[in-house]
Amino acid sequence: MWLLGSAILQAGSTETDDLVGAIPLVAERMIGASGPLRLTDGGDLAHASYVVMQIRNGEWVQDATYDPITQSIVR
């Protein structure tokens, strides 16, 4: 929410096209609870780990983790 509010202030607008341009610029300068908010070109956090989940025997289980430092899947 802080990122969105800051982007609205930066853009001086709540229009989607204006915010699409402002959000990456504002995120580049922000630090959130989990670390830097810098985004990739696809809009994902640039320095975020992702957990890969899968269903086994009807239960969700962690299968792997994506490591952004090595840009690899760790099992």
N, C-alpha and C. Protein backbone atom coordinates (compact mmCIF):
# COMPACT_ATOMS: atom_id res chain seq x y z
N MET A 1 0.82 -1.18 0.00
CA MET A 1 0.00 0.00 0.00
C MET A 1 0.87 1.26 0.00
N TRP A 2 1.97 1.22 0.75
CA TRP A 2 2.86 2.37 0.81
C TRP A 2 3.44 2.66 -0.57
N LEU A 3 3.80 1.64 -1.29
CA LEU A 3 4.34 1.81 -2.64
C LEU A 3 3.29 2.45 -3.54
N LEU A 4 2.07 1.97 -3.50
CA LEU A 4 1.01 2.52 -4.34
C LEU A 4 0.73 3.98 -3.97
N GLY A 5 0.61 4.26 -2.68
CA GLY A 5 0.37 5.63 -2.25
C GLY A 5 1.48 6.57 -2.69
N SER A 6 2.71 6.12 -2.54
CA SER A 6 3.85 6.94 -2.96
C SER A 6 3.86 7.15 -4.47
N ALA A 7 3.48 6.11 -5.22
CA ALA A 7 3.43 6.22 -6.68
C ALA A 7 2.34 7.20 -7.11
N ILE A 8 1.20 7.20 -6.42
CA ILE A 8 0.14 8.15 -6.73
C ILE A 8 0.63 9.58 -6.49
N LEU A 9 1.32 9.79 -5.38
CA LEU A 9 1.87 11.12 -5.11
C LEU A 9 2.90 11.53 -6.15
N GLN A 10 3.77 10.59 -6.53
CA GLN A 10 4.81 10.87 -7.53
C GLN A 10 4.19 11.20 -8.88
N ALA A 11 3.18 10.43 -9.29
CA ALA A 11 2.55 10.61 -10.60
C ALA A 11 1.57 11.78 -10.60
N GLY A 12 1.07 12.14 -9.42
CA GLY A 12 0.06 13.18 -9.35
C GLY A 12 -1.25 12.74 -9.99
N SER A 13 -1.47 11.41 -9.97
CA SER A 13 -2.62 10.85 -10.68
C SER A 13 -2.94 9.47 -10.13
N THR A 14 -4.18 9.05 -10.34
CA THR A 14 -4.56 7.67 -10.01
C THR A 14 -4.87 6.88 -11.28
N GLU A 15 -4.55 7.44 -12.43
CA GLU A 15 -4.79 6.76 -13.71
C GLU A 15 -3.78 5.62 -13.88
N THR A 16 -4.27 4.50 -14.36
CA THR A 16 -3.45 3.30 -14.52
C THR A 16 -2.19 3.57 -15.34
N ASP A 17 -2.32 4.22 -16.48
CA ASP A 17 -1.15 4.47 -17.34
C ASP A 17 -0.09 5.28 -16.62
N ASP A 18 -0.51 6.23 -15.81
CA ASP A 18 0.45 7.05 -15.06
C ASP A 18 1.13 6.23 -13.97
N LEU A 19 0.37 5.35 -13.30
CA LEU A 19 0.93 4.54 -12.22
C LEU A 19 1.86 3.46 -12.74
N VAL A 20 1.57 2.91 -13.91
CA VAL A 20 2.45 1.89 -14.50
C VAL A 20 3.86 2.45 -14.67
N GLY A 21 3.97 3.69 -15.03
CA GLY A 21 5.28 4.31 -15.18
C GLY A 21 5.90 4.72 -13.85
N ALA A 22 5.08 5.12 -12.88
CA ALA A 22 5.59 5.63 -11.61
C ALA A 22 6.01 4.53 -10.63
N ILE A 23 5.29 3.41 -10.62
CA ILE A 23 5.55 2.37 -9.61
C ILE A 23 6.99 1.85 -9.67
N PRO A 24 7.54 1.48 -10.82
CA PRO A 24 8.93 1.00 -10.82
C PRO A 24 9.93 2.06 -10.35
N LEU A 25 9.69 3.31 -10.67
CA LEU A 25 10.60 4.39 -10.26
C LEU A 25 10.56 4.59 -8.75
N VAL A 26 9.38 4.56 -8.18
CA VAL A 26 9.23 4.71 -6.74
C VAL A 26 9.79 3.48 -6.03
N ALA A 27 9.51 2.30 -6.53
CA ALA A 27 9.97 1.05 -5.91
C ALA A 27 11.49 0.99 -5.85
N GLU A 28 12.14 1.54 -6.85
CA GLU A 28 13.61 1.53 -6.91
C GLU A 28 14.24 2.19 -5.68
N ARG A 29 13.52 3.13 -5.08
CA ARG A 29 14.05 3.88 -3.93
C ARG A 29 13.47 3.45 -2.60
N MET A 30 12.69 2.38 -2.58
CA MET A 30 12.04 1.96 -1.33
C MET A 30 12.61 0.66 -0.79
N ILE A 31 12.57 0.54 0.53
CA ILE A 31 12.92 -0.69 1.22
C ILE A 31 11.68 -1.13 1.98
N GLY A 32 11.22 -2.34 1.73
CA GLY A 32 10.05 -2.87 2.43
C GLY A 32 10.47 -3.77 3.57
N ALA A 33 9.50 -4.39 4.22
CA ALA A 33 9.77 -5.26 5.36
C ALA A 33 10.64 -6.45 4.97
N SER A 34 10.54 -6.89 3.71
CA SER A 34 11.33 -8.04 3.27
C SER A 34 12.57 -7.65 2.47
N GLY A 35 12.87 -6.36 2.38
CA GLY A 35 14.07 -5.91 1.67
C GLY A 35 13.74 -4.92 0.57
N PRO A 36 14.68 -4.71 -0.36
CA PRO A 36 14.48 -3.74 -1.44
C PRO A 36 13.27 -4.08 -2.30
N LEU A 37 12.59 -3.05 -2.79
CA LEU A 37 11.40 -3.26 -3.61
C LEU A 37 11.69 -3.09 -5.10
N ARG A 38 12.96 -3.10 -5.49
CA ARG A 38 13.29 -2.98 -6.91
C ARG A 38 12.61 -4.09 -7.69
N LEU A 39 12.06 -3.73 -8.85
CA LEU A 39 11.29 -4.68 -9.66
C LEU A 39 12.03 -5.08 -10.92
N THR A 40 11.74 -6.28 -11.41
CA THR A 40 12.26 -6.72 -12.71
C THR A 40 11.39 -6.10 -13.81
N ASP A 41 11.78 -6.29 -15.05
CA ASP A 41 10.98 -5.78 -16.16
C ASP A 41 9.59 -6.42 -16.18
N GLY A 42 9.46 -7.61 -15.62
CA GLY A 42 8.17 -8.30 -15.56
C GLY A 42 7.32 -7.89 -14.37
N GLY A 43 7.85 -7.03 -13.50
CA GLY A 43 7.09 -6.55 -12.35
C GLY A 43 7.26 -7.37 -11.09
N ASP A 44 8.14 -8.38 -11.12
CA ASP A 44 8.40 -9.18 -9.92
C ASP A 44 9.48 -8.49 -9.09
N LEU A 45 9.52 -8.82 -7.79
CA LEU A 45 10.60 -8.31 -6.96
C LEU A 45 11.92 -8.86 -7.46
N ALA A 46 12.90 -7.99 -7.61
CA ALA A 46 14.18 -8.41 -8.18
C ALA A 46 14.98 -9.29 -7.23
N HIS A 47 14.79 -9.12 -5.92
CA HIS A 47 15.58 -9.87 -4.95
C HIS A 47 14.73 -10.71 -4.03
N ALA A 48 13.74 -11.37 -4.59
CA ALA A 48 12.84 -12.18 -3.77
C ALA A 48 13.05 -13.67 -4.03
N SER A 49 13.01 -14.42 -2.95
CA SER A 49 13.01 -15.87 -3.07
C SER A 49 11.57 -16.32 -3.27
N TYR A 50 11.38 -17.35 -4.06
CA TYR A 50 10.05 -17.89 -4.31
C TYR A 50 10.04 -19.36 -3.94
N VAL A 51 8.97 -19.78 -3.30
CA VAL A 51 8.79 -21.19 -2.95
C VAL A 51 7.95 -21.83 -4.04
N VAL A 52 8.41 -22.98 -4.54
CA VAL A 52 7.68 -23.74 -5.55
C VAL A 52 6.93 -24.85 -4.81
N MET A 53 5.60 -24.81 -4.91
CA MET A 53 4.77 -25.78 -4.22
C MET A 53 4.20 -26.78 -5.21
N GLN A 54 3.85 -27.95 -4.70
CA GLN A 54 3.25 -28.97 -5.53
C GLN A 54 2.31 -29.81 -4.66
N ILE A 55 1.35 -30.44 -5.29
CA ILE A 55 0.43 -31.30 -4.54
C ILE A 55 0.92 -32.74 -4.65
N ARG A 56 1.11 -33.36 -3.48
CA ARG A 56 1.49 -34.78 -3.40
C ARG A 56 0.52 -35.46 -2.45
N ASN A 57 -0.09 -36.51 -2.93
CA ASN A 57 -1.05 -37.26 -2.11
C ASN A 57 -2.13 -36.36 -1.53
N GLY A 58 -2.57 -35.38 -2.34
CA GLY A 58 -3.65 -34.50 -1.92
C GLY A 58 -3.24 -33.39 -0.97
N GLU A 59 -1.95 -33.23 -0.70
CA GLU A 59 -1.45 -32.20 0.22
C GLU A 59 -0.47 -31.28 -0.49
N TRP A 60 -0.52 -29.98 -0.17
CA TRP A 60 0.47 -29.05 -0.70
C TRP A 60 1.78 -29.24 0.05
N VAL A 61 2.87 -29.41 -0.69
CA VAL A 61 4.20 -29.55 -0.09
C VAL A 61 5.18 -28.66 -0.85
N GLN A 62 6.20 -28.21 -0.14
CA GLN A 62 7.24 -27.40 -0.79
C GLN A 62 8.12 -28.31 -1.62
N ASP A 63 8.28 -27.97 -2.88
CA ASP A 63 9.08 -28.77 -3.80
C ASP A 63 10.47 -28.18 -3.98
N ALA A 64 10.56 -26.84 -4.02
CA ALA A 64 11.84 -26.19 -4.27
C ALA A 64 11.73 -24.72 -3.90
N THR A 65 12.86 -24.03 -3.97
CA THR A 65 12.92 -22.59 -3.73
C THR A 65 13.72 -21.96 -4.86
N TYR A 66 13.26 -20.80 -5.33
CA TYR A 66 14.02 -20.04 -6.32
C TYR A 66 14.94 -19.09 -5.58
N ASP A 67 16.23 -19.14 -5.87
CA ASP A 67 17.23 -18.27 -5.25
C ASP A 67 17.59 -17.15 -6.23
N PRO A 68 17.24 -15.89 -5.91
CA PRO A 68 17.50 -14.81 -6.85
C PRO A 68 18.98 -14.46 -6.99
N ILE A 69 19.78 -14.79 -6.00
CA ILE A 69 21.22 -14.50 -6.08
C ILE A 69 21.87 -15.36 -7.16
N THR A 70 21.57 -16.66 -7.15
CA THR A 70 22.16 -17.57 -8.13
C THR A 70 21.27 -17.76 -9.34
N GLN A 71 20.03 -17.21 -9.27
CA GLN A 71 19.03 -17.36 -10.32
C GLN A 71 18.81 -18.83 -10.65
N SER A 72 18.64 -19.63 -9.59
CA SER A 72 18.47 -21.06 -9.80
C SER A 72 17.40 -21.62 -8.86
N ILE A 73 16.90 -22.78 -9.22
CA ILE A 73 15.95 -23.52 -8.39
C ILE A 73 16.74 -24.44 -7.48
N VAL A 74 16.47 -24.36 -6.19
CA VAL A 74 17.17 -25.19 -5.20
C VAL A 74 16.18 -26.18 -4.63
N ARG A 75 16.53 -27.46 -4.71
CA ARG A 75 15.65 -28.51 -4.16
C ARG A 75 16.21 -29.04 -2.87
